[in-house]
Amino acid sequence: MKNNHSETRLRTPALWLLLWSLLASTSATAQVEPTLDAREREMVNWLQSREGEMLSLLERLTNINSGSLNKAGIDEIATIFADELRQLGFNVSSLPGEVISMPSCPGNNYNVDVADHLLASKAGDSSRLLLMGHMDTVFPPESPFQSFRRQGDIMSGPGVADMKGGMVVMLYALKALQEFNALNELSVSVLLNSDEEMGSLSSRKYLEEQARQHDWGLVYESSGTGNLTRQRKGLGQARVVVNGRASHAGGAHEQGRSAIKELAYKIVEIENMTDYESGVTVNVGLVSGGEARNTVAPCAEAFIDLRYPEPQQGEVAAERFEEIFNQVYSYPVDSGEITAESWVNLHRPPKIPTPESDYLLEKARSIGRLLGQELGVTDSGGGTDGSLTQAVGLPTQDSLGVAGTGAHSNREQARVSSLVERAQLSAVLIQRLAAETP
């Protein structure tokens, strides 16, 4: 299907885009949406009565472990959504995952076996919308943080905010549209990937392919305490494996070449790449190595995180990584006995605002005001698949999920009442975007 982004941007929202380009600054420019029509009011009221259903589904999803490496758990989540989306008239297919290979020390295995992804689509006579979410969480099966809990208007559990809550919001927005005979008119695709928490290393190609076939993108990451995210940093990751020479730590210390020692020097150089003024941050998050206390370590490895506001900064950082990995710091004469293997991946470009994405942001905020939801605007260093889709030309708004905090920790929680609020917002937003001339 041909993507007519250029045509879309010159028709219905053209006046708004012109105004935005003249008035935009670091703060968002207000946009006024028409009041709710009769069908929109019916959808809003219908969703108000569905909180119990939404909460029950979220509890079920949260109690299924779907850590990124737990293929069985992710497959179970995918089956639930495939069944739900088929009932709404979507054609559902599976997109194959793959094995991502990374260097590692002997005995360690950092080859990542990615579960399959889910794509659901339905054709209609409207602008084409791509709805995105991820089924994986950062919590493995052995994590003590495993189950759903609720206390008043606060719920907690692995993924309630990031982002099983958002997937429930997305699903019920579609259910509301179906209930009042609006969904059949729409052209909508839903892409749920299984590896977002690992950087969408397998699903990136699918996200970019679908982005080129649609007119608007919506991502259901958490909205934090009630903000919509406008801009995000780019993300990169790297692994380095240092190989040295083993020897007895007492009887033949001088014959050894310590991989741990060399890695320690490299870590200092890597951490020194952080520059708060430019916005670039680097974090060595995982380190391992060695065989025994009394053996000079023959191998050591590190896993590194990179964040950067501008695309060129990511390229410069990747080049600096390689320089550090290929230089020997710990011994005055490089005898060739210390070597390094590395893997560097700039897996998410920065999400840089455009007039089209700002139009989408303000449309969502304006609809929120009609519903009594005052949504702020923020920037983020966290990642989203919306960065990938926007980078290839799809205006994308992320953070449309539940109001939640504490992601990636056992403090993850979300506000129960935001399930209905965000579903109401999305149902109206989807209908209005679809009505704009494709």
Protein backbone atom coordinates (compact mmCIF):
# COMPACT_ATOMS: atom_id res chain seq x y z
CA MET A 1 0.00 0.00 0.00
CA LYS A 2 1.39 3.38 -0.96
CA ASN A 3 2.03 5.88 1.82
CA ASN A 4 0.65 9.32 1.05
CA HIS A 5 2.20 11.22 3.96
CA SER A 6 2.94 14.25 1.82
CA GLU A 7 -0.68 14.45 0.66
CA THR A 8 -2.00 13.99 4.21
CA ARG A 9 0.12 16.80 5.56
CA LEU A 10 -1.01 19.26 2.91
CA ARG A 11 -4.75 18.74 3.31
CA THR A 12 -6.81 18.63 6.52
CA PRO A 13 -4.16 19.75 9.05
CA ALA A 14 -2.43 22.18 6.66
CA LEU A 15 -3.63 25.36 8.37
CA TRP A 16 -2.68 24.05 11.80
CA LEU A 17 0.77 23.00 10.58
CA LEU A 18 1.36 26.47 9.17
CA LEU A 19 0.30 28.09 12.44
CA TRP A 20 2.45 25.72 14.45
CA SER A 21 5.54 26.44 12.35
CA LEU A 22 5.04 30.15 13.05
CA LEU A 23 4.20 29.88 16.74
CA ALA A 24 5.93 26.76 18.06
CA SER A 25 8.48 27.15 20.81
CA THR A 26 9.61 24.92 23.67
CA SER A 27 6.08 25.02 25.07
CA ALA A 28 3.11 23.56 23.22
CA THR A 29 0.67 25.77 21.35
CA ALA A 30 -2.99 25.33 22.30
CA GLN A 31 -5.31 23.68 19.80
CA VAL A 32 -9.09 23.67 19.96
CA GLU A 33 -11.08 20.60 18.92
CA PRO A 34 -14.85 20.55 18.23
CA THR A 35 -17.03 19.37 21.08
CA LEU A 36 -17.90 15.68 21.27
CA ASP A 37 -20.52 14.48 18.82
CA ALA A 38 -23.29 12.03 19.72
CA ARG A 39 -21.35 8.88 18.86
CA GLU A 40 -18.27 10.07 20.74
CA ARG A 41 -20.38 10.73 23.83
CA GLU A 42 -21.81 7.23 23.56
CA MET A 43 -18.33 5.72 23.36
CA VAL A 44 -17.13 7.74 26.33
CA ASN A 45 -20.12 6.66 28.43
CA TRP A 46 -19.75 3.02 27.36
CA LEU A 47 -16.10 2.97 28.38
CA GLN A 48 -16.96 4.51 31.73
CA SER A 49 -18.92 1.35 32.51
CA ARG A 50 -16.10 -0.99 31.48
CA GLU A 51 -13.52 -0.32 34.17
CA GLY A 52 -14.12 -3.68 35.83
CA GLU A 53 -13.57 -5.56 32.55
CA MET A 54 -10.43 -3.62 31.79
CA LEU A 55 -9.04 -4.20 35.26
CA SER A 56 -9.80 -7.92 35.10
CA LEU A 57 -7.99 -8.28 31.78
CA LEU A 58 -5.00 -6.30 33.03
CA GLU A 59 -4.76 -8.48 36.13
CA ARG A 60 -4.76 -11.58 33.93
CA LEU A 61 -2.03 -10.15 31.68
CA THR A 62 0.10 -8.93 34.58
CA ASN A 63 0.07 -12.35 36.23
CA ILE A 64 1.54 -13.91 33.05
CA ASN A 65 5.30 -13.44 33.14
CA SER A 66 6.39 -12.03 29.79
CA GLY A 67 9.99 -11.07 30.42
CA SER A 68 11.77 -10.45 27.12
CA LEU A 69 13.43 -13.89 27.13
CA ASN A 70 10.32 -15.81 28.25
CA LYS A 71 8.99 -16.89 24.85
CA ALA A 72 6.21 -19.04 26.33
CA GLY A 73 4.84 -16.13 28.37
CA ILE A 74 5.00 -13.72 25.44
CA ASP A 75 3.27 -16.27 23.21
CA GLU A 76 0.47 -16.52 25.79
CA ILE A 77 0.01 -12.73 25.77
CA ALA A 78 0.02 -12.76 21.96
CA THR A 79 -2.69 -15.45 21.87
CA ILE A 80 -4.96 -13.38 24.12
CA PHE A 81 -4.67 -10.31 21.92
CA ALA A 82 -4.91 -12.27 18.69
CA ASP A 83 -8.25 -13.71 19.86
CA GLU A 84 -9.55 -10.31 20.96
CA LEU A 85 -8.53 -8.60 17.71
CA ARG A 86 -10.02 -11.33 15.52
CA GLN A 87 -13.33 -10.79 17.30
CA LEU A 88 -13.10 -7.13 16.27
CA GLY A 89 -12.69 -8.09 12.62
CA PHE A 90 -8.93 -7.84 12.27
CA ASN A 91 -6.82 -10.13 10.15
CA VAL A 92 -4.10 -11.42 12.48
CA SER A 93 -0.68 -12.76 11.55
CA SER A 94 2.57 -13.65 13.29
CA LEU A 95 5.85 -11.97 12.36
CA PRO A 96 8.88 -14.17 13.04
CA GLY A 97 11.37 -13.26 15.72
CA GLU A 98 15.02 -14.15 15.36
CA VAL A 99 18.19 -14.95 17.27
CA ILE A 100 20.32 -11.87 17.96
CA SER A 101 23.98 -12.84 18.37
CA MET A 102 26.34 -10.92 20.66
CA PRO A 103 29.92 -11.69 21.75
CA SER A 104 30.40 -13.22 25.21
CA CYS A 105 32.99 -14.93 27.37
CA PRO A 106 33.19 -18.76 27.23
CA GLY A 107 30.41 -20.28 29.30
CA ASN A 108 28.15 -17.25 28.90
CA ASN A 109 25.55 -17.02 26.18
CA TYR A 110 24.23 -13.65 25.12
CA ASN A 111 22.51 -14.87 22.00
CA VAL A 112 18.97 -13.57 22.41
CA ASP A 113 16.14 -15.74 21.06
CA VAL A 114 13.34 -13.28 20.29
CA ALA A 115 9.71 -14.44 20.34
CA ASP A 116 7.39 -13.80 17.41
CA HIS A 117 5.56 -10.49 17.04
CA LEU A 118 1.86 -9.92 16.33
CA LEU A 119 0.40 -7.88 13.47
CA ALA A 120 -3.34 -7.29 13.11
CA SER A 121 -4.88 -5.18 10.38
CA LYS A 122 -8.20 -4.20 8.86
CA ALA A 123 -8.85 -2.14 5.77
CA GLY A 124 -11.27 0.77 5.61
CA ASP A 125 -11.94 4.02 3.82
CA SER A 126 -10.02 6.37 6.11
CA SER A 127 -6.60 7.65 7.02
CA ARG A 128 -4.39 4.74 8.01
CA LEU A 129 -3.53 4.45 11.70
CA LEU A 130 -0.75 2.29 13.17
CA LEU A 131 -1.25 1.41 16.86
CA MET A 132 1.81 0.03 18.66
CA GLY A 133 2.57 -1.72 21.91
CA HIS A 134 5.02 -4.23 23.37
CA MET A 135 4.22 -7.51 25.07
CA ASP A 136 7.53 -7.96 26.91
CA THR A 137 8.56 -6.64 30.31
CA VAL A 138 11.97 -6.38 31.98
CA PHE A 139 11.06 -8.93 34.69
CA PRO A 140 12.31 -12.52 34.14
CA PRO A 141 10.44 -15.57 35.54
CA GLU A 142 12.76 -15.69 38.56
CA SER A 143 12.00 -12.09 39.56
CA PRO A 144 10.23 -11.77 42.93
CA PHE A 145 8.04 -9.04 41.38
CA GLN A 146 5.46 -11.21 39.63
CA SER A 147 1.85 -10.48 40.53
CA PHE A 148 -0.91 -7.91 40.22
CA ARG A 149 -2.07 -6.02 43.31
CA ARG A 150 -4.61 -3.27 43.84
CA GLN A 151 -5.15 -0.86 46.70
CA GLY A 152 -7.85 1.72 46.06
CA ASP A 153 -7.07 3.61 42.86
CA ILE A 154 -3.50 2.32 42.72
CA MET A 155 -2.50 -0.96 41.06
CA SER A 156 0.97 -2.46 40.97
CA GLY A 157 2.69 -5.33 39.22
CA PRO A 158 5.11 -6.10 36.40
CA GLY A 159 3.88 -4.27 33.32
CA VAL A 160 0.83 -2.50 34.74
CA ALA A 161 2.31 0.73 33.35
CA ASP A 162 5.01 -0.52 30.99
CA MET A 163 2.99 -1.47 29.10
CA LYS A 164 0.27 -4.05 29.61
CA GLY A 165 -1.95 -1.28 30.92
CA GLY A 166 -1.41 0.58 27.66
CA MET A 167 -2.32 -2.47 25.59
CA VAL A 168 -5.60 -2.77 27.52
CA VAL A 169 -6.28 0.92 26.83
CA MET A 170 -5.65 0.36 23.11
CA LEU A 171 -7.88 -2.71 22.96
CA TYR A 172 -10.80 -1.10 24.72
CA ALA A 173 -10.61 2.02 22.57
CA LEU A 174 -11.06 -0.30 19.59
CA LYS A 175 -13.87 -2.15 21.36
CA ALA A 176 -15.68 1.15 21.93
CA LEU A 177 -15.37 2.02 18.26
CA GLN A 178 -16.72 -1.41 17.35
CA GLU A 179 -19.62 -1.13 19.80
CA PHE A 180 -20.92 1.97 18.04
CA ASN A 181 -20.28 0.85 14.46
CA ALA A 182 -17.27 3.11 13.87
CA LEU A 183 -14.50 0.51 13.58
CA ASN A 184 -15.71 -1.00 10.30
CA GLU A 185 -15.12 2.33 8.59
CA LEU A 186 -11.50 2.59 9.72
CA SER A 187 -8.16 1.49 8.30
CA VAL A 188 -6.19 0.39 11.36
CA SER A 189 -3.17 -1.83 12.06
CA VAL A 190 -1.97 -3.03 15.45
CA LEU A 191 1.65 -4.11 15.89
CA LEU A 192 2.60 -5.72 19.21
CA ASN A 193 6.27 -6.63 19.43
CA SER A 194 8.07 -8.95 21.81
CA ASP A 195 11.47 -7.28 22.15
CA GLU A 196 10.90 -3.58 22.87
CA GLU A 197 12.64 -3.80 26.23
CA MET A 198 15.74 -5.14 24.45
CA GLY A 199 15.73 -2.34 21.89
CA SER A 200 13.35 -3.82 19.28
CA LEU A 201 16.37 -5.47 17.68
CA SER A 202 14.21 -8.02 15.83
CA SER A 203 11.03 -5.98 15.32
CA ARG A 204 12.62 -2.76 14.08
CA LYS A 205 12.30 -3.79 10.42
CA TYR A 206 8.59 -4.55 10.88
CA LEU A 207 7.95 -1.25 12.65
CA GLU A 208 9.68 0.73 9.92
CA GLU A 209 7.93 -1.22 7.17
CA GLN A 210 4.50 -0.60 8.69
CA ALA A 211 5.30 3.05 9.38
CA ARG A 212 5.80 3.65 5.67
CA GLN A 213 2.31 2.29 4.96
CA HIS A 214 0.37 4.45 7.43
CA ASP A 215 -0.54 8.10 8.02
CA TRP A 216 -0.51 8.40 11.83
CA GLY A 217 1.19 6.43 14.61
CA LEU A 218 0.01 5.94 18.21
CA VAL A 219 2.11 4.25 20.90
CA TYR A 220 0.69 3.13 24.25
CA GLU A 221 3.60 3.62 26.61
CA SER A 222 2.71 5.01 30.04
CA SER A 223 1.78 8.68 30.26
CA GLY A 224 3.68 9.04 33.54
CA THR A 225 1.75 11.21 35.96
CA GLY A 226 -0.34 12.74 33.17
CA ASN A 227 1.97 14.04 30.47
CA LEU A 228 2.37 13.36 26.78
CA THR A 229 5.94 13.03 25.57
CA ARG A 230 7.04 15.33 22.76
CA GLN A 231 10.71 14.51 22.32
CA ARG A 232 13.00 11.61 23.27
CA LYS A 233 16.70 10.86 23.22
CA GLY A 234 18.23 8.30 20.91
CA LEU A 235 19.41 5.04 22.43
CA GLY A 236 22.34 2.76 21.75
CA GLN A 237 23.81 -0.32 23.34
CA ALA A 238 27.18 -2.03 23.15
CA ARG A 239 28.87 -5.19 24.39
CA VAL A 240 32.60 -5.59 24.70
CA VAL A 241 34.40 -8.84 25.51
CA VAL A 242 38.06 -8.52 26.52
CA ASN A 243 40.27 -11.58 26.11
CA GLY A 244 43.49 -11.87 28.09
CA ARG A 245 45.83 -14.66 29.18
CA ALA A 246 45.19 -16.88 32.21
CA SER A 247 47.93 -17.73 34.66
CA HIS A 248 48.43 -18.56 38.35
CA ALA A 249 47.87 -15.46 40.47
CA GLY A 250 50.71 -16.39 42.82
CA GLY A 251 53.22 -18.60 41.02
CA ALA A 252 53.14 -16.95 37.59
CA HIS A 253 51.39 -13.62 37.94
CA GLU A 254 53.75 -11.85 35.56
CA GLN A 255 52.88 -14.30 32.80
CA GLY A 256 49.19 -13.38 32.88
CA ARG A 257 47.32 -10.68 31.04
CA SER A 258 44.26 -9.75 33.07
CA ALA A 259 41.13 -9.17 31.05
CA ILE A 260 39.47 -7.68 34.14
CA LYS A 261 42.28 -5.16 34.55
CA GLU A 262 42.01 -4.12 30.91
CA LEU A 263 38.23 -3.90 31.09
CA ALA A 264 38.52 -1.66 34.16
CA TYR A 265 40.61 0.81 32.17
CA LYS A 266 38.12 0.71 29.33
CA ILE A 267 35.20 1.29 31.71
CA VAL A 268 36.78 4.51 32.97
CA GLU A 269 37.16 5.74 29.39
CA ILE A 270 33.60 4.73 28.52
CA GLU A 271 32.06 6.39 31.58
CA ASN A 272 34.01 9.57 30.84
CA MET A 273 32.04 9.90 27.60
CA THR A 274 29.07 11.18 29.63
CA ASP A 275 28.58 14.90 29.05
CA TYR A 276 25.58 16.38 30.84
CA GLU A 277 25.93 19.69 29.04
CA SER A 278 25.46 18.08 25.62
CA GLY A 279 22.91 15.58 26.95
CA VAL A 280 24.98 12.47 26.16
CA THR A 281 25.00 9.83 28.90
CA VAL A 282 26.82 6.49 28.95
CA ASN A 283 26.30 3.79 31.55
CA VAL A 284 28.21 0.54 32.01
CA GLY A 285 25.34 -1.43 33.45
CA LEU A 286 26.56 -5.04 33.58
CA VAL A 287 30.08 -6.38 34.16
CA SER A 288 31.36 -9.93 34.59
CA GLY A 289 34.57 -11.83 34.16
CA GLY A 290 37.25 -14.11 35.52
CA GLU A 291 37.40 -17.75 36.50
CA ALA A 292 38.67 -17.85 40.09
CA ARG A 293 40.14 -15.65 42.82
CA ASN A 294 43.61 -17.07 42.28
CA THR A 295 43.61 -16.98 38.47
CA VAL A 296 44.56 -14.00 36.35
CA ALA A 297 41.34 -13.45 34.41
CA PRO A 298 41.39 -14.65 30.79
CA CYS A 299 38.06 -12.99 29.88
CA ALA A 300 35.82 -10.14 31.03
CA GLU A 301 32.80 -8.42 29.50
CA ALA A 302 30.57 -5.40 29.88
CA PHE A 303 27.14 -4.30 28.62
CA ILE A 304 26.77 -0.57 27.97
CA ASP A 305 23.85 1.86 27.55
CA LEU A 306 24.03 5.08 25.51
CA ARG A 307 21.56 8.03 25.33
CA TYR A 308 21.93 11.02 23.00
CA PRO A 309 19.72 13.96 21.90
CA GLU A 310 21.03 14.38 18.33
CA PRO A 311 21.67 11.71 15.66
CA GLN A 312 25.26 12.82 15.02
CA GLN A 313 26.07 12.41 18.71
CA GLY A 314 25.17 8.73 18.46
CA GLU A 315 27.48 8.23 15.49
CA VAL A 316 30.34 9.98 17.29
CA ALA A 317 29.78 7.88 20.41
CA ALA A 318 29.75 4.64 18.40
CA GLU A 319 33.08 5.58 16.84
CA ARG A 320 34.51 6.39 20.28
CA PHE A 321 33.34 3.02 21.62
CA GLU A 322 35.29 1.25 18.88
CA GLU A 323 38.40 3.32 19.60
CA ILE A 324 38.26 2.36 23.28
CA PHE A 325 37.55 -1.29 22.55
CA ASN A 326 40.49 -1.56 20.15
CA GLN A 327 43.07 0.19 22.35
CA VAL A 328 45.06 -1.57 25.10
CA TYR A 329 45.39 0.55 28.24
CA SER A 330 46.58 -1.78 31.00
CA TYR A 331 49.99 -2.91 29.77
CA PRO A 332 52.71 -0.55 28.50
CA VAL A 333 53.63 -2.81 25.59
CA ASP A 334 50.84 -4.34 23.51
CA SER A 335 52.06 -7.86 22.82
CA GLY A 336 48.84 -8.86 21.10
CA GLU A 337 47.81 -11.05 24.05
CA ILE A 338 44.94 -8.71 24.94
CA THR A 339 42.18 -8.56 22.34
CA ALA A 340 38.58 -7.40 22.27
CA GLU A 341 35.36 -8.37 20.49
CA SER A 342 32.55 -5.85 20.34
CA TRP A 343 28.98 -5.28 19.21
CA VAL A 344 27.53 -1.76 18.90
CA ASN A 345 23.95 -0.97 17.92
CA LEU A 346 22.29 2.46 17.74
CA HIS A 347 18.90 0.86 18.14
CA ARG A 348 16.69 3.95 18.45
CA PRO A 349 17.17 7.33 16.80
CA PRO A 350 16.16 10.44 18.73
CA LYS A 351 12.46 11.28 18.47
CA ILE A 352 12.70 14.82 17.16
CA PRO A 353 9.47 16.86 16.95
CA THR A 354 8.08 17.81 13.55
CA PRO A 355 5.13 20.09 12.70
CA GLU A 356 3.09 16.94 11.98
CA SER A 357 3.93 15.23 15.29
CA ASP A 358 3.24 18.48 17.17
CA TYR A 359 -0.13 18.69 15.43
CA LEU A 360 -0.86 15.15 16.64
CA LEU A 361 0.32 15.96 20.17
CA GLU A 362 -1.90 19.02 20.43
CA LYS A 363 -4.87 17.19 18.95
CA ALA A 364 -4.58 14.58 21.71
CA ARG A 365 -4.24 17.28 24.39
CA SER A 366 -7.23 19.21 23.04
CA ILE A 367 -9.40 16.09 23.05
CA GLY A 368 -8.19 15.44 26.57
CA ARG A 369 -9.44 18.84 27.65
CA LEU A 370 -12.88 18.03 26.21
CA LEU A 371 -12.87 14.95 28.45
CA GLY A 372 -11.68 16.80 31.53
CA GLN A 373 -8.13 15.49 31.24
CA GLU A 374 -5.43 18.14 31.45
CA LEU A 375 -2.34 16.57 29.88
CA GLY A 376 1.02 18.25 30.13
CA VAL A 377 3.97 18.02 27.76
CA THR A 378 7.36 16.60 28.63
CA ASP A 379 10.57 15.28 27.07
CA SER A 380 12.12 11.96 27.99
CA GLY A 381 15.38 10.03 27.96
CA GLY A 382 13.43 6.76 27.83
CA GLY A 383 12.96 4.80 24.65
CA THR A 384 9.90 4.16 22.50
CA ASP A 385 9.16 2.44 19.22
CA GLY A 386 7.66 5.77 18.21
CA SER A 387 11.22 6.98 17.68
CA LEU A 388 11.67 4.36 14.96
CA THR A 389 8.39 5.10 13.20
CA GLN A 390 8.76 8.87 13.32
CA ALA A 391 12.33 8.66 12.01
CA VAL A 392 11.07 7.08 8.77
CA GLY A 393 8.36 9.69 8.29
CA LEU A 394 5.32 8.60 10.31
CA PRO A 395 4.03 11.35 12.67
CA THR A 396 3.82 9.46 15.96
CA GLN A 397 2.48 10.23 19.41
CA ASP A 398 3.58 7.96 22.22
CA SER A 399 2.72 7.93 25.96
CA LEU A 400 -1.00 7.32 25.33
CA GLY A 401 -1.15 4.56 27.95
CA VAL A 402 -2.08 4.62 31.63
CA ALA A 403 -0.80 7.11 34.18
CA GLY A 404 1.97 5.14 35.84
CA THR A 405 5.35 5.45 37.55
CA GLY A 406 8.22 3.25 38.72
CA ALA A 407 8.73 1.36 35.47
CA HIS A 408 11.55 -1.24 35.43
CA SER A 409 11.44 -1.61 39.21
CA ASN A 410 9.39 -3.34 41.90
CA ARG A 411 7.80 0.08 42.51
CA GLU A 412 5.93 -0.02 39.19
CA GLN A 413 2.38 1.18 39.67
CA ALA A 414 -0.44 2.95 37.85
CA ARG A 415 -3.69 4.73 38.55
CA VAL A 416 -6.70 2.42 38.01
CA SER A 417 -8.99 5.22 36.88
CA SER A 418 -6.58 6.16 34.09
CA LEU A 419 -7.52 2.94 32.24
CA VAL A 420 -10.91 4.39 31.36
CA GLU A 421 -9.62 7.94 30.91
CA ARG A 422 -6.97 7.00 28.36
CA ALA A 423 -9.29 4.60 26.52
CA GLN A 424 -11.82 7.42 26.17
CA LEU A 425 -9.10 9.73 24.88
CA SER A 426 -7.90 7.15 22.35
CA ALA A 427 -11.34 6.22 21.07
CA VAL A 428 -12.10 9.84 20.20
CA LEU A 429 -8.59 10.49 18.89
CA ILE A 430 -8.66 7.45 16.61
CA GLN A 431 -12.06 8.36 15.19
CA ARG A 432 -11.04 11.95 14.49
CA LEU A 433 -7.70 11.09 12.94
CA ALA A 434 -9.35 8.52 10.72
CA ALA A 435 -11.82 11.13 9.51
CA GLU A 436 -9.10 13.41 8.20
CA THR A 437 -8.60 13.21 4.43
CA PRO A 438 -5.94 10.59 3.60
